[in-house]
């Protein structure tokens, strides 16, 4: 197999694992974390850059799988510059994303 096929298969499997993790988060959080860690491991092994929509589901400090409303808190900043404040409920790390006007 060539590198393009391996990368394509890896990205498909990462997307499947993340979808399964999102479906399982309410029923079994430990299984959901396992799916997410496996997706990260596949991405690192094949050296594939994950899409932004998947990368934002991981805490930047503790690397845990976080889902808004389940194990993370999302607030809107009240300053002149609009931003979203995301707090990981596992390590209490807060990071901000600026909202473009």
Protein backbone atom coordinates (compact mmCIF):
# COMPACT_ATOMS: atom_id res chain seq x y z
CA UNK A 1 0.00 0.00 0.00
CA UNK A 2 1.22 3.49 -0.71
CA UNK A 3 1.25 6.38 1.75
CA UNK A 4 -1.90 8.08 0.36
CA UNK A 5 -4.01 4.95 0.91
CA UNK A 6 -2.69 4.51 4.44
CA UNK A 7 -3.46 8.16 5.30
CA UNK A 8 -6.95 7.89 3.81
CA UNK A 9 -7.73 4.73 5.79
CA UNK A 10 -6.33 6.29 8.98
CA UNK A 11 -8.48 9.43 8.63
CA UNK A 12 -11.58 7.30 7.99
CA UNK A 13 -10.89 5.24 11.10
CA UNK A 14 -10.23 8.35 13.18
CA UNK A 15 -13.57 9.83 12.11
CA UNK A 16 -15.38 6.56 12.90
CA UNK A 17 -13.76 6.36 16.35
CA UNK A 18 -14.61 9.98 17.17
CA UNK A 19 -18.23 9.45 16.05
CA UNK A 20 -18.44 6.39 18.31
CA UNK A 21 -16.90 8.36 21.17
CA UNK A 22 -19.47 11.14 20.77
CA UNK A 23 -22.30 8.59 20.73
CA UNK A 24 -21.01 6.79 23.84
CA UNK A 25 -20.16 9.84 25.97
CA UNK A 26 -23.52 9.88 27.79
CA UNK A 27 -23.70 6.13 28.37
CA UNK A 28 -20.12 5.14 29.17
CA UNK A 29 -17.54 7.90 29.55
CA UNK A 30 -14.64 5.49 30.04
CA UNK A 31 -15.37 3.71 26.74
CA UNK A 32 -15.68 7.08 25.03
CA UNK A 33 -12.26 8.13 26.36
CA UNK A 34 -10.82 4.84 25.08
CA UNK A 35 -12.17 5.46 21.57
CA UNK A 36 -10.76 8.99 21.57
CA UNK A 37 -7.32 7.88 22.79
CA UNK A 38 -7.23 5.21 20.10
CA UNK A 39 -8.07 7.83 17.47
CA UNK A 40 -5.21 10.03 18.74
CA UNK A 41 -2.85 7.08 18.68
CA UNK A 42 -3.74 6.24 15.08
CA UNK A 43 -3.22 9.86 14.07
CA UNK A 44 0.19 10.00 15.71
CA UNK A 45 1.29 6.64 14.32
CA UNK A 46 0.41 7.50 10.72
CA UNK A 47 1.35 11.18 11.21
CA UNK A 48 -1.97 12.53 9.95
CA UNK A 49 -3.13 15.99 10.93
CA UNK A 50 -6.60 15.83 12.41
CA UNK A 51 -9.27 18.22 11.17
CA UNK A 52 -10.01 21.24 13.36
CA UNK A 53 -13.47 19.93 14.27
CA UNK A 54 -11.85 16.86 15.85
CA UNK A 55 -8.87 18.67 17.41
CA UNK A 56 -11.15 21.02 19.35
CA UNK A 57 -12.67 18.02 21.15
CA UNK A 58 -9.42 17.42 23.07
CA UNK A 59 -8.12 19.41 26.02
CA UNK A 60 -4.82 21.07 25.16
CA UNK A 61 -3.38 20.48 28.62
CA UNK A 62 -4.45 17.01 29.77
CA UNK A 63 -5.30 15.65 26.27
CA UNK A 64 -8.61 14.24 27.50
CA UNK A 65 -11.65 13.95 25.22
CA UNK A 66 -13.99 16.81 26.16
CA UNK A 67 -17.54 17.33 24.97
CA UNK A 68 -19.36 20.62 25.62
CA UNK A 69 -21.96 20.24 28.34
CA UNK A 70 -20.73 16.83 29.47
CA UNK A 71 -17.19 17.29 30.76
CA UNK A 72 -16.40 20.84 29.64
CA UNK A 73 -17.98 24.23 30.16
CA UNK A 74 -18.37 26.84 27.44
CA UNK A 75 -18.98 30.53 28.17
CA UNK A 76 -19.02 33.67 26.07
CA UNK A 77 -16.61 36.42 27.12
CA UNK A 78 -18.01 39.81 28.15
CA UNK A 79 -15.25 42.08 26.91
CA UNK A 80 -15.01 44.28 23.84
CA UNK A 81 -13.27 41.42 21.96
CA UNK A 82 -15.76 38.56 21.64
CA UNK A 83 -14.42 35.13 22.51
CA UNK A 84 -15.54 31.72 23.68
CA UNK A 85 -14.06 30.45 26.94
CA UNK A 86 -13.76 26.66 27.20
CA UNK A 87 -13.02 25.07 30.57
CA UNK A 88 -11.99 21.43 30.87
CA UNK A 89 -13.73 19.96 33.92
CA UNK A 90 -10.98 17.37 34.42
CA UNK A 91 -7.96 19.67 34.80
CA UNK A 92 -9.73 23.10 35.00
CA UNK A 93 -7.62 24.42 32.13
CA UNK A 94 -9.24 27.43 30.45
CA UNK A 95 -8.55 28.42 26.88
CA UNK A 96 -10.13 31.01 24.68
CA UNK A 97 -11.15 31.16 21.02
CA UNK A 98 -11.68 34.57 19.50
CA UNK A 99 -14.91 34.94 17.52
CA UNK A 100 -14.35 36.76 14.24
CA UNK A 101 -16.66 39.71 13.62
